[in-house]
Amino acid sequence: MKQEEIRSGNKRSRRRKGKRGQQLFTKGIMLLLFFLLLVMLTAGGVFGYRYIQGDKTSPETLESSREVLPETMGQLP
């Protein structure tokens, strides 16, 4: 009777170890997917915010402090 209990106990522990390993693997994958989703949402939010804020800028060109004359471009002094 004791040998049968020991054998069945070993089988149960092997099954538990297998399930435990599978549960750890599943938790690890879920954690990885959660962080991937978090990174994607953060990146999407940042780029979306920049896109929306970019649309609010004035379409007028900014005045430059100095002008480049076309005849002097590319010539060395």
C-alpha atoms as a PDB file:
ATOM      1  CA  MET A   1       0.000   0.000   0.000  1.00  0.00           C
ATOM      2  CA  LYS A   2       2.761   2.436   0.887  1.00  0.00           C
ATOM      3  CA  GLN A   3       4.653   1.791  -2.332  1.00  0.00           C
ATOM      4  CA  GLU A   4       1.522   2.505  -4.354  1.00  0.00           C
ATOM      5  CA  GLU A   5       0.982   5.734  -2.439  1.00  0.00           C
ATOM      6  CA  ILE A   6       4.604   6.737  -2.986  1.00  0.00           C
ATOM      7  CA  ARG A   7       4.378   5.961  -6.697  1.00  0.00           C
ATOM      8  CA  SER A   8       1.124   7.836  -7.097  1.00  0.00           C
ATOM      9  CA  GLY A   9       2.621  10.707  -5.071  1.00  0.00           C
ATOM     10  CA  ASN A  10       5.553  10.887  -7.467  1.00  0.00           C
ATOM     11  CA  LYS A  11       3.241  10.946 -10.428  1.00  0.00           C
ATOM     12  CA  ARG A  12       1.232  13.700  -8.848  1.00  0.00           C
ATOM     13  CA  SER A  13       4.330  15.745  -8.097  1.00  0.00           C
ATOM     14  CA  ARG A  14       5.519  15.309 -11.683  1.00  0.00           C
ATOM     15  CA  ARG A  15       2.181  16.490 -12.945  1.00  0.00           C
ATOM     16  CA  ARG A  16       2.249  19.410 -10.554  1.00  0.00           C
ATOM     17  CA  LYS A  17       5.770  20.329 -11.663  1.00  0.00           C
ATOM     18  CA  GLY A  18       4.660  20.181 -15.272  1.00  0.00           C
ATOM     19  CA  LYS A  19       1.633  22.316 -14.576  1.00  0.00           C
ATOM     20  CA  ARG A  20       3.707  24.689 -12.494  1.00  0.00           C
ATOM     21  CA  GLY A  21       6.184  25.099 -15.339  1.00  0.00           C
ATOM     22  CA  GLN A  22       3.376  25.644 -17.797  1.00  0.00           C
ATOM     23  CA  GLN A  23       1.771  28.207 -15.496  1.00  0.00           C
ATOM     24  CA  LEU A  24       5.064  30.085 -15.111  1.00  0.00           C
ATOM     25  CA  PHE A  25       5.560  30.072 -18.873  1.00  0.00           C
ATOM     26  CA  THR A  26       2.020  31.359 -19.408  1.00  0.00           C
ATOM     27  CA  LYS A  27       2.483  34.085 -16.793  1.00  0.00           C
ATOM     28  CA  GLY A  28       5.777  35.103 -18.411  1.00  0.00           C
ATOM     29  CA  ILE A  29       4.185  35.325 -21.851  1.00  0.00           C
ATOM     30  CA  MET A  30       1.260  37.321 -20.452  1.00  0.00           C
ATOM     31  CA  LEU A  31       3.645  39.718 -18.700  1.00  0.00           C
ATOM     32  CA  LEU A  32       5.650  40.145 -21.899  1.00  0.00           C
ATOM     33  CA  LEU A  33       2.477  40.837 -23.889  1.00  0.00           C
ATOM     34  CA  PHE A  34       1.316  43.331 -21.249  1.00  0.00           C
ATOM     35  CA  PHE A  35       4.579  45.285 -21.469  1.00  0.00           C
ATOM     36  CA  LEU A  36       4.486  45.154 -25.265  1.00  0.00           C
ATOM     37  CA  LEU A  37       0.946  46.539 -25.227  1.00  0.00           C
ATOM     38  CA  LEU A  38       1.995  49.242 -22.767  1.00  0.00           C
ATOM     39  CA  VAL A  39       4.910  50.275 -25.000  1.00  0.00           C
ATOM     40  CA  MET A  40       2.691  50.339 -28.080  1.00  0.00           C
ATOM     41  CA  LEU A  41       0.033  52.447 -26.361  1.00  0.00           C
ATOM     42  CA  THR A  42       2.653  54.859 -25.033  1.00  0.00           C
ATOM     43  CA  ALA A  43       4.314  55.239 -28.429  1.00  0.00           C
ATOM     44  CA  GLY A  44       0.939  55.672 -30.126  1.00  0.00           C
ATOM     45  CA  GLY A  45      -0.069  58.289 -27.590  1.00  0.00           C
ATOM     46  CA  VAL A  46       3.155  60.239 -28.021  1.00  0.00           C
ATOM     47  CA  PHE A  47       3.029  60.194 -31.813  1.00  0.00           C
ATOM     48  CA  GLY A  48      -0.689  60.938 -31.795  1.00  0.00           C
ATOM     49  CA  TYR A  49      -0.167  63.900 -29.477  1.00  0.00           C
ATOM     50  CA  ARG A  50       2.634  65.217 -31.674  1.00  0.00           C
ATOM     51  CA  TYR A  51       0.467  64.784 -34.769  1.00  0.00           C
ATOM     52  CA  ILE A  52      -2.442  66.672 -33.206  1.00  0.00           C
ATOM     53  CA  GLN A  53      -0.183  69.423 -31.869  1.00  0.00           C
ATOM     54  CA  GLY A  54       1.521  69.674 -35.261  1.00  0.00           C
ATOM     55  CA  ASP A  55      -1.807  70.429 -36.916  1.00  0.00           C
ATOM     56  CA  LYS A  56      -2.338  73.388 -34.591  1.00  0.00           C
ATOM     57  CA  THR A  57       0.758  75.243 -35.803  1.00  0.00           C
ATOM     58  CA  SER A  58       0.367  78.182 -38.155  1.00  0.00           C
ATOM     59  CA  PRO A  59       0.795  77.371 -41.869  1.00  0.00           C
ATOM     60  CA  GLU A  60       2.667  80.660 -42.395  1.00  0.00           C
ATOM     61  CA  THR A  61       6.403  80.393 -42.936  1.00  0.00           C
ATOM     62  CA  LEU A  62       8.626  81.703 -40.214  1.00  0.00           C
ATOM     63  CA  GLU A  63      10.654  84.807 -40.879  1.00  0.00           C
ATOM     64  CA  SER A  64      14.362  84.165 -41.037  1.00  0.00           C
ATOM     65  CA  SER A  65      16.888  86.555 -39.561  1.00  0.00           C
ATOM     66  CA  ARG A  66      19.072  86.426 -42.656  1.00  0.00           C
ATOM     67  CA  GLU A  67      18.528  85.712 -46.296  1.00  0.00           C
ATOM     68  CA  VAL A  68      20.644  83.599 -48.601  1.00  0.00           C
ATOM     69  CA  LEU A  69      21.305  85.275 -51.906  1.00  0.00           C
ATOM     70  CA  PRO A  70      20.997  82.883 -54.850  1.00  0.00           C
ATOM     71  CA  GLU A  71      24.090  84.204 -56.668  1.00  0.00           C
ATOM     72  CA  THR A  72      26.373  83.495 -53.703  1.00  0.00           C
ATOM     73  CA  MET A  73      25.221  79.944 -53.107  1.00  0.00           C
ATOM     74  CA  GLY A  74      27.913  77.374 -53.819  1.00  0.00           C
ATOM     75  CA  GLN A  75      30.695  79.889 -54.472  1.00  0.00           C
ATOM     76  CA  LEU A  76      33.776  80.080 -52.299  1.00  0.00           C
ATOM     77  CA  PRO A  77      35.100  83.520 -51.291  1.00  0.00           C
END
